[in-house]
Amino acid sequence: MPPARPRSEIARIARLAAGVALMIFGPIIGLPTPGPLGFVLFGIGLALVLRNSGAARRRYVRMARRYPRVQRAVNFGLRRRQRAAASRQPAEP
């Protein structure tokens, strides 16, 4: 596995701000539109916030221990690409 690239603090803050904006405006935008657009936008915003904020991640872990059903639903949406790619590779004989 290649070494991890150093992450830019400005880019992290921008992703965090975009996540918060999606969490706030997603349900508002989703109200007049048909379908679950508001839930999708909120989920994308939640994923951005959880990936870029240590405090939000710690709070999520506490909430997930208290409400395990919610944890399963959120974890489904936050799957990492490496895990998904690794599970798709066929096993060697």
Foldseek 3Di string as FASTA:
>chain_A
DDDDDDDDPVVLVVLLVLLVVLLVCLVVVVVVDPDDRSVVSNLSSLLSNCVRDPVSVVVVVVVCVVPVVVVVVSCVSNDDPVVVVVVPDDDDD
